């Protein structure tokens, strides 16, 4: 669930490689083309202009053993190889999701990144994924506050994301229809699985109990949603 810039910071702390150099590599179209020759999970969509970090979403969250003298490319490819392994493990499910939901591989990673940011429990992720599918199906704005967080890129707490829904960013799903322009986290296998195998429901709204244990509460109608907000978020 870390952002690419946070991963770059962690790698830098262990190896001395510059964060700025890592981020530059992860935005290098020529390097992305190199990766695509080896890793089928990396598609041309990854190079879409206007994103903060082009390889955001593909730096798989895991514990890695690396040597201090490894190059930026070798470290990056260690992470991408793990993403490829997860992709191959779930390849048939990716193929089914592409047909059923009319999404590309990249769009599945985008949605998984949003689901990762929105929920912490596997069951909640699977329900949240279906909420987004429900909204996409009826051309309803996704209105995910976590996409506002990524639009801001620097914020103090979750309230900043709730109160800046008008920010003009292609990541902001309050302002622009459909999925954000690119991934907003590097999703775990749990989040990816949630998008590939959502829990069928007819919910259109949800909130997370940020004052409690993070449980997500779902609602079918806006009135029910407002009741949940009053119950769990009004302090």
C-alpha atoms as a PDB file:
ATOM      1  CA  UNK A   1       0.000   0.000   0.000  1.00  0.00           C
ATOM      2  CA  UNK A   2       2.982   2.357   0.089  1.00  0.00           C
ATOM      3  CA  UNK A   3       3.368   5.081  -2.494  1.00  0.00           C
ATOM      4  CA  UNK A   4       6.284   4.808  -4.903  1.00  0.00           C
ATOM      5  CA  UNK A   5       7.973   7.796  -3.275  1.00  0.00           C
ATOM      6  CA  UNK A   6       7.835   6.014   0.111  1.00  0.00           C
ATOM      7  CA  UNK A   7       9.323   2.872  -1.399  1.00  0.00           C
ATOM      8  CA  UNK A   8      12.083   4.974  -2.959  1.00  0.00           C
ATOM      9  CA  UNK A   9      12.788   6.453   0.470  1.00  0.00           C
ATOM     10  CA  UNK A  10      13.018   2.996   2.063  1.00  0.00           C
ATOM     11  CA  UNK A  11      15.343   1.713  -0.662  1.00  0.00           C
ATOM     12  CA  UNK A  12      17.488   4.826  -0.372  1.00  0.00           C
ATOM     13  CA  UNK A  13      17.825   4.369   3.386  1.00  0.00           C
ATOM     14  CA  UNK A  14      19.144   0.815   2.901  1.00  0.00           C
ATOM     15  CA  UNK A  15      21.345   1.314  -0.146  1.00  0.00           C
ATOM     16  CA  UNK A  16      22.289   4.973  -0.429  1.00  0.00           C
ATOM     17  CA  UNK A  17      20.702   5.210  -3.867  1.00  0.00           C
ATOM     18  CA  UNK A  18      19.071   8.602  -4.355  1.00  0.00           C
ATOM     19  CA  UNK A  19      15.282   8.723  -4.084  1.00  0.00           C
ATOM     20  CA  UNK A  20      15.130  11.195  -6.966  1.00  0.00           C
ATOM     21  CA  UNK A  21      17.132   8.848  -9.202  1.00  0.00           C
ATOM     22  CA  UNK A  22      14.839   5.930  -8.396  1.00  0.00           C
ATOM     23  CA  UNK A  23      11.724   7.964  -9.148  1.00  0.00           C
ATOM     24  CA  UNK A  24      13.283   9.200 -12.387  1.00  0.00           C
ATOM     25  CA  UNK A  25      13.954   5.596 -13.414  1.00  0.00           C
ATOM     26  CA  UNK A  26      10.377   4.640 -12.589  1.00  0.00           C
ATOM     27  CA  UNK A  27       9.205   7.412 -14.924  1.00  0.00           C
ATOM     28  CA  UNK A  28      11.578   6.535 -17.771  1.00  0.00           C
ATOM     29  CA  UNK A  29       9.608   5.366 -20.820  1.00  0.00           C
ATOM     30  CA  UNK A  30      12.633   3.684 -22.377  1.00  0.00           C
ATOM     31  CA  UNK A  31      13.211   1.673 -19.208  1.00  0.00           C
ATOM     32  CA  UNK A  32       9.517   0.775 -19.013  1.00  0.00           C
ATOM     33  CA  UNK A  33       9.785  -0.522 -22.580  1.00  0.00           C
ATOM     34  CA  UNK A  34      12.720  -2.677 -21.444  1.00  0.00           C
ATOM     35  CA  UNK A  35      10.650  -4.090 -18.599  1.00  0.00           C
ATOM     36  CA  UNK A  36       7.725  -4.822 -20.899  1.00  0.00           C
ATOM     37  CA  UNK A  37       9.913  -7.155 -22.972  1.00  0.00           C
ATOM     38  CA  UNK A  38      10.413  -9.407 -19.939  1.00  0.00           C
ATOM     39  CA  UNK A  39       7.330  -8.795 -17.811  1.00  0.00           C
ATOM     40  CA  UNK A  40       3.953  -9.108 -19.549  1.00  0.00           C
ATOM     41  CA  UNK A  41       2.216  -7.386 -16.630  1.00  0.00           C
ATOM     42  CA  UNK A  42       3.859  -4.144 -17.788  1.00  0.00           C
ATOM     43  CA  UNK A  43       1.767  -2.845 -20.684  1.00  0.00           C
ATOM     44  CA  UNK A  44       1.900   0.295 -22.822  1.00  0.00           C
ATOM     45  CA  UNK A  45      -0.820   1.808 -20.598  1.00  0.00           C
ATOM     46  CA  UNK A  46       1.777   2.191 -17.845  1.00  0.00           C
ATOM     47  CA  UNK A  47       3.443   4.955 -19.873  1.00  0.00           C
ATOM     48  CA  UNK A  48       0.342   7.149 -19.882  1.00  0.00           C
ATOM     49  CA  UNK A  49       1.363  10.780 -19.538  1.00  0.00           C
ATOM     50  CA  UNK A  50       0.118  12.881 -16.640  1.00  0.00           C
ATOM     51  CA  UNK A  51       0.748  10.358 -13.872  1.00  0.00           C
ATOM     52  CA  UNK A  52       2.999  11.082 -10.893  1.00  0.00           C
ATOM     53  CA  UNK A  53       5.040   7.865 -11.078  1.00  0.00           C
ATOM     54  CA  UNK A  54       4.513   5.580 -14.042  1.00  0.00           C
ATOM     55  CA  UNK A  55       5.498   2.398 -12.213  1.00  0.00           C
ATOM     56  CA  UNK A  56       3.223   3.254  -9.279  1.00  0.00           C
ATOM     57  CA  UNK A  57       1.090   0.180  -8.696  1.00  0.00           C
ATOM     58  CA  UNK A  58       3.692  -2.340  -9.863  1.00  0.00           C
ATOM     59  CA  UNK A  59       6.277  -2.095  -7.058  1.00  0.00           C
ATOM     60  CA  UNK A  60       4.895  -5.078  -5.216  1.00  0.00           C
ATOM     61  CA  UNK A  61       4.721  -4.784  -1.409  1.00  0.00           C
ATOM     62  CA  UNK A  62       6.745  -7.605   0.090  1.00  0.00           C
ATOM     63  CA  UNK A  63       9.820  -8.277   2.226  1.00  0.00           C
ATOM     64  CA  UNK A  64      12.844  -8.387  -0.076  1.00  0.00           C
ATOM     65  CA  UNK A  65      16.413  -9.443   0.503  1.00  0.00           C
ATOM     66  CA  UNK A  66      18.761  -7.290  -1.547  1.00  0.00           C
ATOM     67  CA  UNK A  67      22.460  -6.540  -1.547  1.00  0.00           C
ATOM     68  CA  UNK A  68      23.691  -3.062  -0.806  1.00  0.00           C
ATOM     69  CA  UNK A  69      25.586  -2.859  -4.091  1.00  0.00           C
ATOM     70  CA  UNK A  70      22.615  -3.730  -6.318  1.00  0.00           C
ATOM     71  CA  UNK A  71      21.798  -1.240  -9.054  1.00  0.00           C
ATOM     72  CA  UNK A  72      18.523   0.663  -9.237  1.00  0.00           C
ATOM     73  CA  UNK A  73      17.437  -1.496 -12.146  1.00  0.00           C
ATOM     74  CA  UNK A  74      18.230  -4.765 -10.379  1.00  0.00           C
ATOM     75  CA  UNK A  75      16.274  -3.703  -7.285  1.00  0.00           C
ATOM     76  CA  UNK A  76      13.359  -2.470  -9.384  1.00  0.00           C
ATOM     77  CA  UNK A  77      13.243  -5.704 -11.341  1.00  0.00           C
ATOM     78  CA  UNK A  78      13.151  -7.667  -8.100  1.00  0.00           C
ATOM     79  CA  UNK A  79       9.901  -5.853  -7.239  1.00  0.00           C
ATOM     80  CA  UNK A  80       8.443  -6.083 -10.745  1.00  0.00           C
ATOM     81  CA  UNK A  81       9.219  -9.817 -10.884  1.00  0.00           C
ATOM     82  CA  UNK A  82       7.061 -10.314  -7.800  1.00  0.00           C
ATOM     83  CA  UNK A  83       4.224  -8.356  -9.422  1.00  0.00           C
ATOM     84  CA  UNK A  84       4.614 -10.580 -12.492  1.00  0.00           C
ATOM     85  CA  UNK A  85       4.428 -13.683 -10.291  1.00  0.00           C
ATOM     86  CA  UNK A  86       1.164 -12.505  -8.730  1.00  0.00           C
ATOM     87  CA  UNK A  87      -0.195 -11.639 -12.182  1.00  0.00           C
ATOM     88  CA  UNK A  88       0.638 -15.107 -13.508  1.00  0.00           C
ATOM     89  CA  UNK A  89      -0.838 -16.755 -10.416  1.00  0.00           C
ATOM     90  CA  UNK A  90      -4.150 -15.000 -11.088  1.00  0.00           C
ATOM     91  CA  UNK A  91      -3.924 -14.865 -14.899  1.00  0.00           C
ATOM     92  CA  UNK A  92      -7.210 -16.656 -15.559  1.00  0.00           C
ATOM     93  CA  UNK A  93      -8.986 -14.333 -13.118  1.00  0.00           C
ATOM     94  CA  UNK A  94      -7.436 -11.290 -14.802  1.00  0.00           C
ATOM     95  CA  UNK A  95      -8.685 -12.571 -18.144  1.00  0.00           C
ATOM     96  CA  UNK A  96     -12.197 -13.085 -16.743  1.00  0.00           C
ATOM     97  CA  UNK A  97     -12.261  -9.629 -15.149  1.00  0.00           C
ATOM     98  CA  UNK A  98     -11.180  -8.031 -18.407  1.00  0.00           C
ATOM     99  CA  UNK A  99     -14.141  -9.572 -20.185  1.00  0.00           C
ATOM    100  CA  UNK A 100     -16.763  -9.168 -17.455  1.00  0.00           C
ATOM    101  CA  UNK A 101     -15.876  -5.624 -16.423  1.00  0.00           C
ATOM    102  CA  UNK A 102     -14.288  -4.449 -19.661  1.00  0.00           C
ATOM    103  CA  UNK A 103     -11.070  -3.426 -17.933  1.00  0.00           C
ATOM    104  CA  UNK A 104      -7.457  -3.629 -19.065  1.00  0.00           C
ATOM    105  CA  UNK A 105      -4.696  -5.137 -16.956  1.00  0.00           C
ATOM    106  CA  UNK A 106      -3.591  -1.626 -16.014  1.00  0.00           C
ATOM    107  CA  UNK A 107      -7.113  -0.613 -15.014  1.00  0.00           C
ATOM    108  CA  UNK A 108      -7.365  -3.646 -12.754  1.00  0.00           C
ATOM    109  CA  UNK A 109      -4.191  -2.493 -10.997  1.00  0.00           C
ATOM    110  CA  UNK A 110      -5.612   1.021 -10.755  1.00  0.00           C
ATOM    111  CA  UNK A 111      -8.802  -0.225  -9.119  1.00  0.00           C
ATOM    112  CA  UNK A 112      -6.858  -2.538  -6.813  1.00  0.00           C
ATOM    113  CA  UNK A 113      -4.750   0.420  -5.698  1.00  0.00           C
ATOM    114  CA  UNK A 114      -7.883   2.366  -4.747  1.00  0.00           C
ATOM    115  CA  UNK A 115      -9.350  -0.618  -2.904  1.00  0.00           C
ATOM    116  CA  UNK A 116      -6.033  -1.049  -1.069  1.00  0.00           C
ATOM    117  CA  UNK A 117      -6.198   2.550   0.155  1.00  0.00           C
ATOM    118  CA  UNK A 118      -9.891   2.408   1.079  1.00  0.00           C
ATOM    119  CA  UNK A 119      -9.951  -0.676   3.309  1.00  0.00           C
ATOM    120  CA  UNK A 120      -7.676  -2.745   5.512  1.00  0.00           C
ATOM    121  CA  UNK A 121      -9.600  -6.016   5.839  1.00  0.00           C
ATOM    122  CA  UNK A 122      -9.972  -8.545   3.034  1.00  0.00           C
ATOM    123  CA  UNK A 123     -13.757  -8.807   3.397  1.00  0.00           C
ATOM    124  CA  UNK A 124     -14.139  -5.028   3.269  1.00  0.00           C
ATOM    125  CA  UNK A 125     -11.908  -4.832   0.206  1.00  0.00           C
ATOM    126  CA  UNK A 126     -14.053  -7.371  -1.649  1.00  0.00           C
ATOM    127  CA  UNK A 127     -17.232  -5.432  -0.869  1.00  0.00           C
ATOM    128  CA  UNK A 128     -15.635  -2.091  -1.723  1.00  0.00           C
ATOM    129  CA  UNK A 129     -14.441  -3.444  -5.062  1.00  0.00           C
ATOM    130  CA  UNK A 130     -18.016  -4.387  -5.934  1.00  0.00           C
ATOM    131  CA  UNK A 131     -19.247  -0.914  -4.927  1.00  0.00           C
ATOM    132  CA  UNK A 132     -16.876   0.605  -7.462  1.00  0.00           C
ATOM    133  CA  UNK A 133     -18.018  -1.870 -10.114  1.00  0.00           C
ATOM    134  CA  UNK A 134     -21.634  -0.951  -9.306  1.00  0.00           C
ATOM    135  CA  UNK A 135     -20.860   2.728  -9.768  1.00  0.00           C
ATOM    136  CA  UNK A 136     -18.908   2.207 -12.965  1.00  0.00           C
ATOM    137  CA  UNK A 137     -21.782   0.197 -14.407  1.00  0.00           C
ATOM    138  CA  UNK A 138     -24.246   3.091 -14.011  1.00  0.00           C
ATOM    139  CA  UNK A 139     -21.714   5.806 -14.919  1.00  0.00           C
ATOM    140  CA  UNK A 140     -21.729   7.171 -11.377  1.00  0.00           C
ATOM    141  CA  UNK A 141     -18.677   9.069 -10.160  1.00  0.00           C
ATOM    142  CA  UNK A 142     -16.543   6.846  -7.934  1.00  0.00           C
ATOM    143  CA  UNK A 143     -16.127   9.704  -5.425  1.00  0.00           C
ATOM    144  CA  UNK A 144     -13.320   7.996  -3.553  1.00  0.00           C
ATOM    145  CA  UNK A 145     -11.726  10.306  -1.006  1.00  0.00           C
ATOM    146  CA  UNK A 146      -8.458   8.382  -1.162  1.00  0.00           C
ATOM    147  CA  UNK A 147      -8.055   9.517  -4.755  1.00  0.00           C
ATOM    148  CA  UNK A 148      -8.198  13.051  -3.350  1.00  0.00           C
ATOM    149  CA  UNK A 149      -5.389  12.098  -0.943  1.00  0.00           C
ATOM    150  CA  UNK A 150      -3.226  11.114  -3.882  1.00  0.00           C
ATOM    151  CA  UNK A 151      -4.297  14.206  -5.792  1.00  0.00           C
ATOM    152  CA  UNK A 152      -3.072  16.349  -2.884  1.00  0.00           C
ATOM    153  CA  UNK A 153       0.055  14.177  -2.499  1.00  0.00           C
ATOM    154  CA  UNK A 154       0.850  16.054   0.711  1.00  0.00           C
ATOM    155  CA  UNK A 155      -1.739  16.190   3.462  1.00  0.00           C
ATOM    156  CA  UNK A 156      -1.973  16.185   7.257  1.00  0.00           C
ATOM    157  CA  UNK A 157      -4.826  13.749   7.926  1.00  0.00           C
ATOM    158  CA  UNK A 158      -7.847  12.109   6.329  1.00  0.00           C
ATOM    159  CA  UNK A 159      -9.963  15.230   6.823  1.00  0.00           C
ATOM    160  CA  UNK A 160      -7.802  17.044   4.260  1.00  0.00           C
ATOM    161  CA  UNK A 161      -8.877  14.457   1.707  1.00  0.00           C
ATOM    162  CA  UNK A 162     -12.543  14.829   2.642  1.00  0.00           C
ATOM    163  CA  UNK A 163     -12.510  18.623   2.378  1.00  0.00           C
ATOM    164  CA  UNK A 164     -10.606  19.018  -0.898  1.00  0.00           C
ATOM    165  CA  UNK A 165     -12.839  17.053  -3.254  1.00  0.00           C
ATOM    166  CA  UNK A 166     -12.790  19.930  -5.748  1.00  0.00           C
ATOM    167  CA  UNK A 167      -9.058  19.714  -6.453  1.00  0.00           C
ATOM    168  CA  UNK A 168      -8.411  19.670 -10.196  1.00  0.00           C
ATOM    169  CA  UNK A 169      -6.484  16.447 -10.717  1.00  0.00           C
ATOM    170  CA  UNK A 170      -7.008  13.539 -13.105  1.00  0.00           C
ATOM    171  CA  UNK A 171      -6.611  11.335 -10.028  1.00  0.00           C
ATOM    172  CA  UNK A 172      -9.646  12.960  -8.381  1.00  0.00           C
ATOM    173  CA  UNK A 173     -12.679  10.720  -8.868  1.00  0.00           C
ATOM    174  CA  UNK A 174     -14.992  13.380  -7.446  1.00  0.00           C
ATOM    175  CA  UNK A 175     -14.199  15.593 -10.416  1.00  0.00           C
ATOM    176  CA  UNK A 176     -13.457  13.152 -13.238  1.00  0.00           C
ATOM    177  CA  UNK A 177     -15.578  10.108 -14.180  1.00  0.00           C
ATOM    178  CA  UNK A 178     -14.288   6.569 -14.185  1.00  0.00           C
ATOM    179  CA  UNK A 179     -11.042   5.353 -12.689  1.00  0.00           C
ATOM    180  CA  UNK A 180      -8.205   7.705 -11.735  1.00  0.00           C
ATOM    181  CA  UNK A 181      -5.515   8.282 -14.358  1.00  0.00           C
ATOM    182  CA  UNK A 182      -3.173   5.770 -12.710  1.00  0.00           C
ATOM    183  CA  UNK A 183      -2.633   3.644  -9.582  1.00  0.00           C
ATOM    184  CA  UNK A 184      -2.591   5.511  -6.265  1.00  0.00           C
ATOM    185  CA  UNK A 185      -0.786   2.871  -4.199  1.00  0.00           C
ATOM    186  CA  UNK A 186       1.132  -0.332  -4.806  1.00  0.00           C
ATOM    187  CA  UNK A 187      -1.597  -2.872  -4.026  1.00  0.00           C
ATOM    188  CA  UNK A 188      -1.173  -6.127  -2.176  1.00  0.00           C
ATOM    189  CA  UNK A 189      -2.300  -9.511  -3.463  1.00  0.00           C
ATOM    190  CA  UNK A 190      -5.305  -9.229  -1.128  1.00  0.00           C
ATOM    191  CA  UNK A 191      -6.458  -6.031  -2.834  1.00  0.00           C
ATOM    192  CA  UNK A 192      -5.811  -7.437  -6.294  1.00  0.00           C
ATOM    193  CA  UNK A 193      -7.779 -10.558  -5.398  1.00  0.00           C
ATOM    194  CA  UNK A 194     -10.636  -8.389  -4.107  1.00  0.00           C
ATOM    195  CA  UNK A 195     -10.931  -6.716  -7.499  1.00  0.00           C
ATOM    196  CA  UNK A 196     -10.710 -10.037  -9.328  1.00  0.00           C
ATOM    197  CA  UNK A 197     -13.164 -11.761  -6.975  1.00  0.00           C
ATOM    198  CA  UNK A 198     -15.419  -9.113  -5.424  1.00  0.00           C
ATOM    199  CA  UNK A 199     -18.308  -9.911  -3.116  1.00  0.00           C
ATOM    200  CA  UNK A 200     -21.510  -9.389  -5.071  1.00  0.00           C
ATOM    201  CA  UNK A 201     -23.680  -6.691  -3.512  1.00  0.00           C
ATOM    202  CA  UNK A 202     -25.932  -3.793  -4.488  1.00  0.00           C
ATOM    203  CA  UNK A 203     -24.238  -1.148  -2.349  1.00  0.00           C
ATOM    204  CA  UNK A 204     -23.315   2.252  -3.758  1.00  0.00           C
ATOM    205  CA  UNK A 205     -21.794   3.894  -0.675  1.00  0.00           C
ATOM    206  CA  UNK A 206     -19.375   3.109   2.131  1.00  0.00           C
ATOM    207  CA  UNK A 207     -17.384   4.791   4.886  1.00  0.00           C
ATOM    208  CA  UNK A 208     -14.564   3.591   7.110  1.00  0.00           C
ATOM    209  CA  UNK A 209     -14.781   3.972  10.883  1.00  0.00           C
ATOM    210  CA  UNK A 210     -11.554   5.955  11.217  1.00  0.00           C
ATOM    211  CA  UNK A 211     -12.168   6.514  14.928  1.00  0.00           C
ATOM    212  CA  UNK A 212     -12.584   2.808  15.611  1.00  0.00           C
ATOM    213  CA  UNK A 213     -11.004  -0.288  14.119  1.00  0.00           C
ATOM    214  CA  UNK A 214     -11.282   0.832  10.498  1.00  0.00           C
ATOM    215  CA  UNK A 215     -14.297  -1.331   9.760  1.00  0.00           C
ATOM    216  CA  UNK A 216     -16.070  -0.280   6.565  1.00  0.00           C
ATOM    217  CA  UNK A 217     -19.831   0.277   6.641  1.00  0.00           C
ATOM    218  CA  UNK A 218     -21.798  -0.071   3.421  1.00  0.00           C
ATOM    219  CA  UNK A 219     -25.095   1.419   2.304  1.00  0.00           C
ATOM    220  CA  UNK A 220     -27.490   1.011  -0.618  1.00  0.00           C
ATOM    221  CA  UNK A 221     -28.944   4.514  -0.480  1.00  0.00           C
ATOM    222  CA  UNK A 222     -27.554   7.967   0.214  1.00  0.00           C
ATOM    223  CA  UNK A 223     -29.876   8.301   3.222  1.00  0.00           C
ATOM    224  CA  UNK A 224     -28.418   5.117   4.725  1.00  0.00           C
ATOM    225  CA  UNK A 225     -24.946   6.408   3.972  1.00  0.00           C
ATOM    226  CA  UNK A 226     -25.609   9.696   5.785  1.00  0.00           C
ATOM    227  CA  UNK A 227     -26.878   7.737   8.785  1.00  0.00           C
ATOM    228  CA  UNK A 228     -23.599   5.792   8.855  1.00  0.00           C
ATOM    229  CA  UNK A 229     -21.612   9.021   8.613  1.00  0.00           C
ATOM    230  CA  UNK A 230     -23.549  10.475  11.546  1.00  0.00           C
ATOM    231  CA  UNK A 231     -23.090   7.313  13.589  1.00  0.00           C
ATOM    232  CA  UNK A 232     -19.424   6.590  12.925  1.00  0.00           C
ATOM    233  CA  UNK A 233     -17.746   9.811  11.791  1.00  0.00           C
ATOM    234  CA  UNK A 234     -19.503  12.619  13.630  1.00  0.00           C
ATOM    235  CA  UNK A 235     -17.432  13.561  16.661  1.00  0.00           C
END
